Amino acid sequence: MKKYLIPKEGRFYKANLHCHSTVSDGKNTPEEMKDFYKANGYDILAITDHELLVDHSHLSDPDFLVLTGYEYAICDGSLEDLKVYDKYVRMKTIEFNLYPKDQHNETQVMFSPEYVVHGEVYRAPNVKCYGEYIKREYSMEFAQRFIDEANKNGFLVALNHPSLSLEDTYYLKDLRGLISMEMINQGTFYGSAEYNAQMYDYFLRNGMRIGCTASDDNHIARIYGNENDIRPWAFTMIKARELTASAVLNAMEKGDMYSTQGPIINELYIEDNKIHASFSNAKAAVMKTNLRYAPEKIAATNEYINEACFDLIDDLKYVRFTVIDEYGRYADTRGYFLDEI
């Protein structure tokens, strides 16, 4: 009997879960960002402007979903340093994306109006927030308090670009209540080596049950195309029962998604104590675990593979798959803990 890890039912939707518009420091309006992503084969766009939660749900079409969200930063430095580029790039930050389950909700969590320094700053005095304005503190205690408050008030919370943010893996591992972290942030992939597989496995080995995503973090409407550029780009594939906010957010919360720069994973299931994956043409597939044990299947020269099957051994804590194509682009499933399979 097959046990599907990526659900059998529903369909995959291509999503960018992190981008910015003219509401903060982006170069395009929300309408322009929506039109661009729709024209480039996406099904879902989350507009997550810095510090400002704006309802964009009216931009959705029956065949394209625009999710409401925003990005929240906890900075290890002064607010004046935040406004100075040369100081900001040296500043450690903890940054989250928040997605309200009620897509019309514009009430923000632990709001600090002085953090609104980009774009439509006129919105700051009129922001609705839960409780009083608050002074932010760069600490794991404050970060956990923020996650808890966001969860309590109906938000999904994701960890953004930890490498770019100069974050400390050792301390982040204790955070709880996150649905995902950015395995790949394409906007900083080259400059900050934002492929966070090692950090992600460290989190899993330390008991953090968290999904993974890949995103553009776009501040301008552009994308690399396979037809004329083999450089990787990044997106998240979400398996949901339908293209509605409630169905997609539910799938995100359950971890029914994977991160990719191009390779497509079609199925992932367990049968007869073996884990099976099928995927688009690839050069390698690896089963990552909490052990040094990492079996792999490699394509022969001038050939491709489309499936892989590995044994599940008794002392595994979790498993996940990485698929690599001929251009060195990665796709990564989340970690599946064997005690919940």
C-alpha atoms as a PDB file:
ATOM      1  CA  MET A   1       0.000   0.000   0.000  1.00  0.00           C
ATOM      2  CA  LYS A   2       1.393   3.404  -0.998  1.00  0.00           C
ATOM      3  CA  LYS A   3       1.796   6.158   1.600  1.00  0.00           C
ATOM      4  CA  TYR A   4       1.992   9.439  -0.308  1.00  0.00           C
ATOM      5  CA  LEU A   5       4.258  12.087   1.198  1.00  0.00           C
ATOM      6  CA  ILE A   6       3.378  14.650  -1.444  1.00  0.00           C
ATOM      7  CA  PRO A   7      -0.424  14.235  -1.614  1.00  0.00           C
ATOM      8  CA  LYS A   8      -1.802  12.224  -4.498  1.00  0.00           C
ATOM      9  CA  GLU A   9      -4.929  14.387  -4.738  1.00  0.00           C
ATOM     10  CA  GLY A  10      -4.989  17.957  -6.012  1.00  0.00           C
ATOM     11  CA  ARG A  11      -2.651  19.594  -8.475  1.00  0.00           C
ATOM     12  CA  PHE A  12       0.641  21.446  -8.410  1.00  0.00           C
ATOM     13  CA  TYR A  13       0.671  25.237  -8.599  1.00  0.00           C
ATOM     14  CA  LYS A  14       3.766  27.291  -9.400  1.00  0.00           C
ATOM     15  CA  ALA A  15       4.281  30.042  -6.823  1.00  0.00           C
ATOM     16  CA  ASN A  16       6.525  32.934  -5.917  1.00  0.00           C
ATOM     17  CA  LEU A  17       5.944  33.492  -2.203  1.00  0.00           C
ATOM     18  CA  HIS A  18       8.220  36.512  -1.681  1.00  0.00           C
ATOM     19  CA  CYS A  19       8.388  39.739  -3.684  1.00  0.00           C
ATOM     20  CA  HIS A  20       8.123  43.507  -3.272  1.00  0.00           C
ATOM     21  CA  SER A  21       6.128  46.217  -5.008  1.00  0.00           C
ATOM     22  CA  THR A  22       5.931  50.000  -4.874  1.00  0.00           C
ATOM     23  CA  VAL A  23       4.143  49.627  -1.526  1.00  0.00           C
ATOM     24  CA  SER A  24       7.687  49.308  -0.129  1.00  0.00           C
ATOM     25  CA  ASP A  25      10.959  49.251  -2.105  1.00  0.00           C
ATOM     26  CA  GLY A  26       9.888  47.492  -5.304  1.00  0.00           C
ATOM     27  CA  LYS A  27       9.977  49.110  -8.742  1.00  0.00           C
ATOM     28  CA  ASN A  28       6.602  47.844  -9.996  1.00  0.00           C
ATOM     29  CA  THR A  29       3.058  48.287  -8.755  1.00  0.00           C
ATOM     30  CA  PRO A  30       1.217  45.236  -7.345  1.00  0.00           C
ATOM     31  CA  GLU A  31      -0.844  45.168 -10.555  1.00  0.00           C
ATOM     32  CA  GLU A  32       2.306  45.102 -12.697  1.00  0.00           C
ATOM     33  CA  MET A  33       3.844  42.336 -10.591  1.00  0.00           C
ATOM     34  CA  LYS A  34       0.679  40.251 -10.914  1.00  0.00           C
ATOM     35  CA  ASP A  35       0.541  40.730 -14.709  1.00  0.00           C
ATOM     36  CA  PHE A  36       4.215  39.837 -15.087  1.00  0.00           C
ATOM     37  CA  TYR A  37       4.075  36.599 -13.101  1.00  0.00           C
ATOM     38  CA  LYS A  38       0.840  35.504 -14.706  1.00  0.00           C
ATOM     39  CA  ALA A  39       2.353  36.056 -18.163  1.00  0.00           C
ATOM     40  CA  ASN A  40       5.390  33.977 -17.170  1.00  0.00           C
ATOM     41  CA  GLY A  41       3.537  30.802 -16.254  1.00  0.00           C
ATOM     42  CA  TYR A  42       2.989  31.229 -12.526  1.00  0.00           C
ATOM     43  CA  ASP A  43      -0.261  30.410 -10.735  1.00  0.00           C
ATOM     44  CA  ILE A  44       0.384  32.156  -7.402  1.00  0.00           C
ATOM     45  CA  LEU A  45       2.099  35.375  -6.315  1.00  0.00           C
ATOM     46  CA  ALA A  46       2.475  36.543  -2.718  1.00  0.00           C
ATOM     47  CA  ILE A  47       3.218  40.262  -2.475  1.00  0.00           C
ATOM     48  CA  THR A  48       5.156  40.639   0.775  1.00  0.00           C
ATOM     49  CA  ASP A  49       6.187  44.251   1.145  1.00  0.00           C
ATOM     50  CA  HIS A  50       8.409  45.405   3.983  1.00  0.00           C
ATOM     51  CA  GLU A  51       6.510  46.175   7.193  1.00  0.00           C
ATOM     52  CA  LEU A  52       3.181  46.952   5.477  1.00  0.00           C
ATOM     53  CA  LEU A  53       0.319  44.463   5.222  1.00  0.00           C
ATOM     54  CA  VAL A  54      -1.938  45.448   2.320  1.00  0.00           C
ATOM     55  CA  ASP A  55      -4.889  43.408   1.062  1.00  0.00           C
ATOM     56  CA  HIS A  56      -4.154  42.456  -2.554  1.00  0.00           C
ATOM     57  CA  SER A  57      -6.787  39.722  -2.818  1.00  0.00           C
ATOM     58  CA  HIS A  58      -8.848  41.805  -5.287  1.00  0.00           C
ATOM     59  CA  LEU A  59      -6.100  41.176  -7.876  1.00  0.00           C
ATOM     60  CA  SER A  60      -6.836  37.445  -7.978  1.00  0.00           C
ATOM     61  CA  ASP A  61      -8.410  35.838 -11.049  1.00  0.00           C
ATOM     62  CA  PRO A  62     -10.018  32.387 -11.319  1.00  0.00           C
ATOM     63  CA  ASP A  63      -6.734  31.164 -12.870  1.00  0.00           C
ATOM     64  CA  PHE A  64      -4.284  33.260 -10.822  1.00  0.00           C
ATOM     65  CA  LEU A  65      -4.068  33.748  -7.059  1.00  0.00           C
ATOM     66  CA  VAL A  66      -2.542  36.826  -5.408  1.00  0.00           C
ATOM     67  CA  LEU A  67      -1.791  36.222  -1.736  1.00  0.00           C
ATOM     68  CA  THR A  68      -1.668  38.962   0.874  1.00  0.00           C
ATOM     69  CA  GLY A  69       1.410  39.061   3.082  1.00  0.00           C
ATOM     70  CA  TYR A  70       4.235  41.181   4.464  1.00  0.00           C
ATOM     71  CA  GLU A  71       7.863  40.978   5.575  1.00  0.00           C
ATOM     72  CA  TYR A  72       8.894  41.746   9.163  1.00  0.00           C
ATOM     73  CA  ALA A  73      12.470  42.440  10.259  1.00  0.00           C
ATOM     74  CA  ILE A  74      14.205  42.285  13.638  1.00  0.00           C
ATOM     75  CA  CYS A  75      17.497  44.147  13.233  1.00  0.00           C
ATOM     76  CA  ASP A  76      20.674  44.049  15.321  1.00  0.00           C
ATOM     77  CA  GLY A  77      21.339  47.750  14.970  1.00  0.00           C
ATOM     78  CA  SER A  78      19.792  51.165  15.252  1.00  0.00           C
ATOM     79  CA  LEU A  79      16.935  52.431  13.126  1.00  0.00           C
ATOM     80  CA  GLU A  80      19.257  55.093  11.734  1.00  0.00           C
ATOM     81  CA  ASP A  81      21.646  52.332  10.590  1.00  0.00           C
ATOM     82  CA  LEU A  82      18.717  50.622   8.902  1.00  0.00           C
ATOM     83  CA  LYS A  83      18.373  53.624   6.588  1.00  0.00           C
ATOM     84  CA  VAL A  84      22.063  53.696   5.591  1.00  0.00           C
ATOM     85  CA  TYR A  85      22.970  51.067   2.992  1.00  0.00           C
ATOM     86  CA  ASP A  86      26.627  50.663   4.010  1.00  0.00           C
ATOM     87  CA  LYS A  87      25.556  50.020   7.593  1.00  0.00           C
ATOM     88  CA  TYR A  88      22.507  47.905   6.745  1.00  0.00           C
ATOM     89  CA  VAL A  89      24.550  45.379   4.731  1.00  0.00           C
ATOM     90  CA  ARG A  90      26.666  44.706   7.838  1.00  0.00           C
ATOM     91  CA  MET A  91      23.660  44.251  10.097  1.00  0.00           C
ATOM     92  CA  LYS A  92      22.407  40.887  11.340  1.00  0.00           C
ATOM     93  CA  THR A  93      18.648  40.526  10.948  1.00  0.00           C
ATOM     94  CA  ILE A  94      15.935  37.970  11.526  1.00  0.00           C
ATOM     95  CA  GLU A  95      13.342  38.356   8.807  1.00  0.00           C
ATOM     96  CA  PHE A  96       9.984  36.680   8.396  1.00  0.00           C
ATOM     97  CA  ASN A  97       7.203  36.549   5.846  1.00  0.00           C
ATOM     98  CA  LEU A  98       3.695  36.530   7.255  1.00  0.00           C
ATOM     99  CA  TYR A  99       0.624  35.235   5.405  1.00  0.00           C
ATOM    100  CA  PRO A 100      -2.760  35.881   7.049  1.00  0.00           C
ATOM    101  CA  LYS A 101      -5.218  32.982   6.872  1.00  0.00           C
ATOM    102  CA  ASP A 102      -7.913  35.644   6.501  1.00  0.00           C
ATOM    103  CA  GLN A 103      -6.705  37.287   3.324  1.00  0.00           C
ATOM    104  CA  HIS A 104      -8.653  40.476   4.083  1.00  0.00           C
ATOM    105  CA  ASN A 105      -6.908  40.910   7.433  1.00  0.00           C
ATOM    106  CA  GLU A 106      -4.736  44.059   7.487  1.00  0.00           C
ATOM    107  CA  THR A 107      -4.056  44.101  11.235  1.00  0.00           C
ATOM    108  CA  GLN A 108      -0.331  43.710  11.902  1.00  0.00           C
ATOM    109  CA  VAL A 109       1.602  41.945  14.645  1.00  0.00           C
ATOM    110  CA  MET A 110       3.913  43.760  17.117  1.00  0.00           C
ATOM    111  CA  PHE A 111       4.012  46.782  14.814  1.00  0.00           C
ATOM    112  CA  SER A 112       6.743  49.441  14.965  1.00  0.00           C
ATOM    113  CA  PRO A 113       5.876  52.433  12.713  1.00  0.00           C
ATOM    114  CA  GLU A 114       9.490  53.669  12.607  1.00  0.00           C
ATOM    115  CA  TYR A 115      10.450  50.530  10.639  1.00  0.00           C
ATOM    116  CA  VAL A 116       8.386  51.743   7.674  1.00  0.00           C
ATOM    117  CA  VAL A 117      11.156  53.475   5.712  1.00  0.00           C
ATOM    118  CA  HIS A 118      10.353  52.545   2.088  1.00  0.00           C
ATOM    119  CA  GLY A 119       7.622  53.289  -0.427  1.00  0.00           C
ATOM    120  CA  GLU A 120       4.187  54.234   0.832  1.00  0.00           C
ATOM    121  CA  VAL A 121       5.324  55.487   4.237  1.00  0.00           C
ATOM    122  CA  TYR A 122       2.106  57.513   4.540  1.00  0.00           C
ATOM    123  CA  ARG A 123       0.401  54.249   5.499  1.00  0.00           C
ATOM    124  CA  ALA A 124       2.356  53.845   8.759  1.00  0.00           C
ATOM    125  CA  PRO A 125       0.286  56.151  11.030  1.00  0.00           C
ATOM    126  CA  ASN A 126      -2.911  54.390   9.978  1.00  0.00           C
ATOM    127  CA  VAL A 127      -1.774  50.775  10.400  1.00  0.00           C
ATOM    128  CA  LYS A 128      -4.033  48.673  12.563  1.00  0.00           C
ATOM    129  CA  CYS A 129      -2.143  46.436  14.974  1.00  0.00           C
ATOM    130  CA  TYR A 130      -2.749  43.864  17.681  1.00  0.00           C
ATOM    131  CA  GLY A 131      -1.941  45.593  20.977  1.00  0.00           C
ATOM    132  CA  GLU A 132       0.316  48.597  21.383  1.00  0.00           C
ATOM    133  CA  TYR A 133       3.243  49.727  19.243  1.00  0.00           C
ATOM    134  CA  ILE A 134       6.343  47.867  20.345  1.00  0.00           C
ATOM    135  CA  LYS A 135      10.096  48.414  20.432  1.00  0.00           C
ATOM    136  CA  ARG A 136      11.844  45.523  18.713  1.00  0.00           C
ATOM    137  CA  GLU A 137      14.730  43.657  20.306  1.00  0.00           C
ATOM    138  CA  TYR A 138      17.267  41.549  18.440  1.00  0.00           C
ATOM    139  CA  SER A 139      17.038  38.303  20.400  1.00  0.00           C
ATOM    140  CA  MET A 140      15.697  34.797  19.936  1.00  0.00           C
ATOM    141  CA  GLU A 141      13.281  35.444  22.809  1.00  0.00           C
ATOM    142  CA  PHE A 142      11.746  38.389  20.968  1.00  0.00           C
ATOM    143  CA  ALA A 143      11.688  36.427  17.694  1.00  0.00           C
ATOM    144  CA  GLN A 144       9.854  33.541  19.371  1.00  0.00           C
ATOM    145  CA  ARG A 145       7.413  35.913  21.041  1.00  0.00           C
ATOM    146  CA  PHE A 146       6.718  37.453  17.627  1.00  0.00           C
ATOM    147  CA  ILE A 147       6.111  34.048  15.997  1.00  0.00           C
ATOM    148  CA  ASP A 148       3.783  33.055  18.845  1.00  0.00           C
ATOM    149  CA  GLU A 149       1.790  36.288  18.537  1.00  0.00           C
ATOM    150  CA  ALA A 150       1.554  35.919  14.774  1.00  0.00           C
ATOM    151  CA  ASN A 151       0.359  32.310  15.029  1.00  0.00           C
ATOM    152  CA  LYS A 152      -2.177  33.276  17.717  1.00  0.00           C
ATOM    153  CA  ASN A 153      -3.605  35.955  15.433  1.00  0.00           C
ATOM    154  CA  GLY A 154      -3.998  33.719  12.396  1.00  0.00           C
ATOM    155  CA  PHE A 155      -0.754  34.142  10.450  1.00  0.00           C
ATOM    156  CA  LEU A 156       1.521  31.578   8.844  1.00  0.00           C
ATOM    157  CA  VAL A 157       5.148  32.563   9.463  1.00  0.00           C
ATOM    158  CA  ALA A 158       8.138  31.709   7.246  1.00  0.00           C
ATOM    159  CA  LEU A 159      11.854  32.396   7.772  1.00  0.00           C
ATOM    160  CA  ASN A 160      13.462  34.461   4.997  1.00  0.00           C
ATOM    161  CA  HIS A 161      16.985  34.336   3.466  1.00  0.00           C
ATOM    162  CA  PRO A 162      18.994  33.357   6.573  1.00  0.00           C
ATOM    163  CA  SER A 163      22.335  33.546   4.749  1.00  0.00           C
ATOM    164  CA  LEU A 164      21.768  37.080   3.456  1.00  0.00           C
ATOM    165  CA  SER A 165      20.645  38.076   6.937  1.00  0.00           C
ATOM    166  CA  LEU A 166      23.925  36.836   8.487  1.00  0.00           C
ATOM    167  CA  GLU A 167      21.869  34.717  10.866  1.00  0.00           C
ATOM    168  CA  ASP A 168      23.289  32.261  13.387  1.00  0.00           C
ATOM    169  CA  THR A 169      22.137  28.700  12.719  1.00  0.00           C
ATOM    170  CA  TYR A 170      22.820  27.585  16.281  1.00  0.00           C
ATOM    171  CA  TYR A 171      20.315  30.038  17.770  1.00  0.00           C
ATOM    172  CA  LEU A 172      17.689  29.839  15.038  1.00  0.00           C
ATOM    173  CA  LYS A 173      17.347  26.065  15.524  1.00  0.00           C
ATOM    174  CA  ASP A 174      15.280  26.625  18.685  1.00  0.00           C
ATOM    175  CA  LEU A 175      12.554  28.689  17.009  1.00  0.00           C
ATOM    176  CA  ARG A 176       9.171  26.974  16.828  1.00  0.00           C
ATOM    177  CA  GLY A 177       5.957  27.786  14.971  1.00  0.00           C
ATOM    178  CA  LEU A 178       7.478  28.416  11.536  1.00  0.00           C
ATOM    179  CA  ILE A 179       5.962  26.715   8.496  1.00  0.00           C
ATOM    180  CA  SER A 180       9.061  27.030   6.297  1.00  0.00           C
ATOM    181  CA  MET A 181      12.422  28.584   5.564  1.00  0.00           C
ATOM    182  CA  GLU A 182      13.810  29.763   2.249  1.00  0.00           C
ATOM    183  CA  MET A 183      16.000  26.973   0.957  1.00  0.00           C
ATOM    184  CA  ILE A 184      16.791  29.247  -1.981  1.00  0.00           C
ATOM    185  CA  ASN A 185      16.329  32.987  -2.258  1.00  0.00           C
ATOM    186  CA  GLN A 186      17.152  33.674  -5.885  1.00  0.00           C
ATOM    187  CA  GLY A 187      17.506  37.401  -5.400  1.00  0.00           C
ATOM    188  CA  THR A 188      20.578  36.723  -3.228  1.00  0.00           C
ATOM    189  CA  PHE A 189      21.613  33.339  -4.654  1.00  0.00           C
ATOM    190  CA  TYR A 190      24.772  34.612  -6.323  1.00  0.00           C
ATOM    191  CA  GLY A 191      25.916  37.306  -3.931  1.00  0.00           C
ATOM    192  CA  SER A 192      25.123  35.507  -0.666  1.00  0.00           C
ATOM    193  CA  ALA A 193      25.300  31.824  -1.670  1.00  0.00           C
ATOM    194  CA  GLU A 194      21.643  31.546  -0.682  1.00  0.00           C
ATOM    195  CA  TYR A 195      21.257  27.786  -1.042  1.00  0.00           C
ATOM    196  CA  ASN A 196      20.641  26.782   2.551  1.00  0.00           C
ATOM    197  CA  ALA A 197      20.647  22.976   2.417  1.00  0.00           C
ATOM    198  CA  GLN A 198      23.276  22.571   5.117  1.00  0.00           C
ATOM    199  CA  MET A 199      21.416  24.922   7.457  1.00  0.00           C
ATOM    200  CA  TYR A 200      18.131  23.178   6.682  1.00  0.00           C
ATOM    201  CA  ASP A 201      19.515  19.736   7.561  1.00  0.00           C
ATOM    202  CA  TYR A 202      20.960  21.168  10.755  1.00  0.00           C
ATOM    203  CA  PHE A 203      17.487  22.390  11.703  1.00  0.00           C
ATOM    204  CA  LEU A 204      15.967  18.987  10.949  1.00  0.00           C
ATOM    205  CA  ARG A 205      18.635  17.100  12.887  1.00  0.00           C
ATOM    206  CA  ASN A 206      17.825  19.310  15.875  1.00  0.00           C
ATOM    207  CA  GLY A 207      14.118  18.510  15.719  1.00  0.00           C
ATOM    208  CA  MET A 208      12.784  21.580  13.895  1.00  0.00           C
ATOM    209  CA  ARG A 209       9.836  20.423  11.780  1.00  0.00           C
ATOM    210  CA  ILE A 210       9.782  22.949   9.012  1.00  0.00           C
ATOM    211  CA  GLY A 211       9.120  23.052   5.283  1.00  0.00           C
ATOM    212  CA  CYS A 212      11.256  24.673   2.596  1.00  0.00           C
ATOM    213  CA  THR A 213      10.519  27.122  -0.196  1.00  0.00           C
ATOM    214  CA  ALA A 214      12.330  28.869  -3.042  1.00  0.00           C
ATOM    215  CA  SER A 215      11.521  32.426  -4.042  1.00  0.00           C
ATOM    216  CA  ASP A 216      12.611  35.384  -6.158  1.00  0.00           C
ATOM    217  CA  ASP A 217      12.476  38.127  -3.519  1.00  0.00           C
ATOM    218  CA  ASN A 218      11.976  40.262  -6.613  1.00  0.00           C
ATOM    219  CA  HIS A 219      12.082  44.037  -6.371  1.00  0.00           C
ATOM    220  CA  ILE A 220      11.615  44.424 -10.118  1.00  0.00           C
ATOM    221  CA  ALA A 221       9.641  42.360 -12.627  1.00  0.00           C
ATOM    222  CA  ARG A 222      12.219  40.192 -14.361  1.00  0.00           C
ATOM    223  CA  ILE A 223      12.989  36.513 -14.660  1.00  0.00           C
ATOM    224  CA  TYR A 224      15.477  34.262 -16.404  1.00  0.00           C
ATOM    225  CA  GLY A 225      14.029  31.968 -19.057  1.00  0.00           C
ATOM    226  CA  ASN A 226      15.165  28.477 -19.972  1.00  0.00           C
ATOM    227  CA  GLU A 227      15.048  29.371 -23.661  1.00  0.00           C
ATOM    228  CA  ASN A 228      17.898  31.857 -23.534  1.00  0.00           C
ATOM    229  CA  ASP A 229      19.530  31.596 -20.126  1.00  0.00           C
ATOM    230  CA  ILE A 230      20.469  28.484 -18.116  1.00  0.00           C
ATOM    231  CA  ARG A 231      21.104  30.415 -14.919  1.00  0.00           C
ATOM    232  CA  PRO A 232      18.767  29.146 -12.208  1.00  0.00           C
ATOM    233  CA  TRP A 233      15.646  30.903 -11.063  1.00  0.00           C
ATOM    234  CA  ALA A 234      13.559  29.834  -8.084  1.00  0.00           C
ATOM    235  CA  PHE A 235       9.952  29.012  -7.300  1.00  0.00           C
ATOM    236  CA  THR A 236       7.854  26.864  -5.004  1.00  0.00           C
ATOM    237  CA  MET A 237       5.559  24.112  -6.211  1.00  0.00           C
ATOM    238  CA  ILE A 238       2.479  23.787  -3.980  1.00  0.00           C
ATOM    239  CA  LYS A 239       0.150  20.776  -4.146  1.00  0.00           C
ATOM    240  CA  ALA A 240      -3.363  21.968  -3.289  1.00  0.00           C
ATOM    241  CA  ARG A 241      -6.879  20.759  -3.962  1.00  0.00           C
ATOM    242  CA  GLU A 242      -7.828  24.005  -5.756  1.00  0.00           C
ATOM    243  CA  LEU A 243      -6.529  27.457  -6.567  1.00  0.00           C
ATOM    244  CA  THR A 244      -8.062  29.325  -3.651  1.00  0.00           C
ATOM    245  CA  ALA A 245      -6.400  31.157  -0.790  1.00  0.00           C
ATOM    246  CA  SER A 246      -7.784  28.778   1.836  1.00  0.00           C
ATOM    247  CA  ALA A 247      -6.675  25.644  -0.045  1.00  0.00           C
ATOM    248  CA  VAL A 248      -3.217  27.008  -0.866  1.00  0.00           C
ATOM    249  CA  LEU A 249      -2.549  28.340   2.641  1.00  0.00           C
ATOM    250  CA  ASN A 250      -3.713  25.033   4.095  1.00  0.00           C
ATOM    251  CA  ALA A 251      -1.268  23.183   1.819  1.00  0.00           C
ATOM    252  CA  MET A 252       1.540  25.552   2.836  1.00  0.00           C
ATOM    253  CA  GLU A 253       0.782  25.007   6.515  1.00  0.00           C
ATOM    254  CA  LYS A 254       0.885  21.220   6.055  1.00  0.00           C
ATOM    255  CA  GLY A 255       4.115  21.384   4.067  1.00  0.00           C
ATOM    256  CA  ASP A 256       2.629  20.100   0.813  1.00  0.00           C
ATOM    257  CA  MET A 257       5.190  21.942  -1.316  1.00  0.00           C
ATOM    258  CA  TYR A 258       8.798  21.818  -2.422  1.00  0.00           C
ATOM    259  CA  SER A 259      11.473  24.306  -3.468  1.00  0.00           C
ATOM    260  CA  THR A 260      13.063  24.277  -6.907  1.00  0.00           C
ATOM    261  CA  GLN A 261      15.244  26.165  -9.356  1.00  0.00           C
ATOM    262  CA  GLY A 262      13.819  24.179 -12.270  1.00  0.00           C
ATOM    263  CA  PRO A 263      13.590  20.398 -11.699  1.00  0.00           C
ATOM    264  CA  ILE A 264      10.029  19.155 -11.235  1.00  0.00           C
ATOM    265  CA  ILE A 265       9.144  16.468  -8.699  1.00  0.00           C
ATOM    266  CA  ASN A 266       5.982  14.582  -9.619  1.00  0.00           C
ATOM    267  CA  GLU A 267       5.524  11.971  -6.884  1.00  0.00           C
ATOM    268  CA  LEU A 268       6.981  11.031  -3.518  1.00  0.00           C
ATOM    269  CA  TYR A 269       5.664   8.010  -1.650  1.00  0.00           C
ATOM    270  CA  ILE A 270       6.581   5.046   0.560  1.00  0.00           C
ATOM    271  CA  GLU A 271       5.778   1.457  -0.338  1.00  0.00           C
ATOM    272  CA  ASP A 272       7.133  -1.794   1.163  1.00  0.00           C
ATOM    273  CA  ASN A 273       9.590   0.136   3.348  1.00  0.00           C
ATOM    274  CA  LYS A 274      11.074   1.911   0.348  1.00  0.00           C
ATOM    275  CA  ILE A 275      10.785   5.559  -0.598  1.00  0.00           C
ATOM    276  CA  HIS A 276      10.056   6.323  -4.244  1.00  0.00           C
ATOM    277  CA  ALA A 277      10.386   9.588  -6.160  1.00  0.00           C
ATOM    278  CA  SER A 278       9.574  10.458  -9.765  1.00  0.00           C
ATOM    279  CA  PHE A 279      10.741  13.677 -11.366  1.00  0.00           C
ATOM    280  CA  SER A 280      11.645  15.475 -14.595  1.00  0.00           C
ATOM    281  CA  ASN A 281      14.872  14.671 -16.468  1.00  0.00           C
ATOM    282  CA  ALA A 282      17.687  14.827 -13.910  1.00  0.00           C
ATOM    283  CA  LYS A 283      21.326  13.946 -13.521  1.00  0.00           C
ATOM    284  CA  ALA A 284      21.169  12.943  -9.866  1.00  0.00           C
ATOM    285  CA  ALA A 285      18.772  12.229  -7.009  1.00  0.00           C
ATOM    286  CA  VAL A 286      19.875  12.002  -3.388  1.00  0.00           C
ATOM    287  CA  MET A 287      18.002  10.900  -0.271  1.00  0.00           C
ATOM    288  CA  LYS A 288      19.187  13.140   2.572  1.00  0.00           C
ATOM    289  CA  THR A 289      18.832  11.872   6.139  1.00  0.00           C
ATOM    290  CA  ASN A 290      19.968  12.684   9.680  1.00  0.00           C
ATOM    291  CA  LEU A 291      22.872  10.246   9.176  1.00  0.00           C
ATOM    292  CA  ARG A 292      25.918  10.309   6.953  1.00  0.00           C
ATOM    293  CA  TYR A 293      23.872   7.768   5.037  1.00  0.00           C
ATOM    294  CA  ALA A 294      22.817   9.579   1.853  1.00  0.00           C
ATOM    295  CA  PRO A 295      22.130   7.135  -0.991  1.00  0.00           C
ATOM    296  CA  GLU A 296      22.146   8.561  -4.476  1.00  0.00           C
ATOM    297  CA  LYS A 297      21.227   7.635  -8.004  1.00  0.00           C
ATOM    298  CA  ILE A 298      23.367   9.127 -10.767  1.00  0.00           C
ATOM    299  CA  ALA A 299      22.602   9.224 -14.479  1.00  0.00           C
ATOM    300  CA  ALA A 300      25.104   7.796 -16.942  1.00  0.00           C
ATOM    301  CA  THR A 301      26.918  10.169 -19.282  1.00  0.00           C
ATOM    302  CA  ASN A 302      24.543  11.592 -21.920  1.00  0.00           C
ATOM    303  CA  GLU A 303      21.554  10.037 -20.115  1.00  0.00           C
ATOM    304  CA  TYR A 304      18.930  11.176 -17.618  1.00  0.00           C
ATOM    305  CA  ILE A 305      16.999   9.610 -14.762  1.00  0.00           C
ATOM    306  CA  ASN A 306      13.327  10.151 -13.960  1.00  0.00           C
ATOM    307  CA  GLU A 307      12.882   8.104 -10.801  1.00  0.00           C
ATOM    308  CA  ALA A 308      14.721   6.830  -7.752  1.00  0.00           C
ATOM    309  CA  CYS A 309      13.969   4.297  -5.024  1.00  0.00           C
ATOM    310  CA  PHE A 310      15.845   3.839  -1.744  1.00  0.00           C
ATOM    311  CA  ASP A 311      15.463   1.569   1.297  1.00  0.00           C
ATOM    312  CA  LEU A 312      14.326   3.049   4.600  1.00  0.00           C
ATOM    313  CA  ILE A 313      16.601   1.821   7.383  1.00  0.00           C
ATOM    314  CA  ASP A 314      15.487   1.537  11.003  1.00  0.00           C
ATOM    315  CA  ASP A 315      17.390   4.379  12.672  1.00  0.00           C
ATOM    316  CA  LEU A 316      16.476   7.150  10.290  1.00  0.00           C
ATOM    317  CA  LYS A 317      14.955  10.228  11.937  1.00  0.00           C
ATOM    318  CA  TYR A 318      13.868  11.977   8.746  1.00  0.00           C
ATOM    319  CA  VAL A 319      14.248  11.735   4.978  1.00  0.00           C
ATOM    320  CA  ARG A 320      14.099  14.247   2.177  1.00  0.00           C
ATOM    321  CA  PHE A 321      14.941  14.274  -1.536  1.00  0.00           C
ATOM    322  CA  THR A 322      17.234  16.511  -3.575  1.00  0.00           C
ATOM    323  CA  VAL A 323      17.039  16.353  -7.379  1.00  0.00           C
ATOM    324  CA  ILE A 324      19.730  17.975  -9.558  1.00  0.00           C
ATOM    325  CA  ASP A 325      19.445  18.651 -13.295  1.00  0.00           C
ATOM    326  CA  GLU A 326      22.101  18.998 -15.986  1.00  0.00           C
ATOM    327  CA  TYR A 327      22.596  22.703 -15.245  1.00  0.00           C
ATOM    328  CA  GLY A 328      23.208  22.110 -11.544  1.00  0.00           C
ATOM    329  CA  ARG A 329      19.791  23.422 -10.535  1.00  0.00           C
ATOM    330  CA  TYR A 330      18.277  22.000  -7.360  1.00  0.00           C
ATOM    331  CA  ALA A 331      14.852  20.836  -6.239  1.00  0.00           C
ATOM    332  CA  ASP A 332      14.367  19.945  -2.566  1.00  0.00           C
ATOM    333  CA  THR A 333      11.488  18.339  -0.725  1.00  0.00           C
ATOM    334  CA  ARG A 334      10.917  19.116   2.913  1.00  0.00           C
ATOM    335  CA  GLY A 335      12.084  16.771   5.634  1.00  0.00           C
ATOM    336  CA  TYR A 336       9.608  13.985   6.442  1.00  0.00           C
ATOM    337  CA  PHE A 337      10.004  12.617   9.964  1.00  0.00           C
ATOM    338  CA  LEU A 338       9.518   8.879  10.113  1.00  0.00           C
ATOM    339  CA  ASP A 339       7.562   9.010  13.389  1.00  0.00           C
ATOM    340  CA  GLU A 340       4.776  10.898  11.541  1.00  0.00           C
ATOM    341  CA  ILE A 341       4.790   8.838   8.347  1.00  0.00           C
END
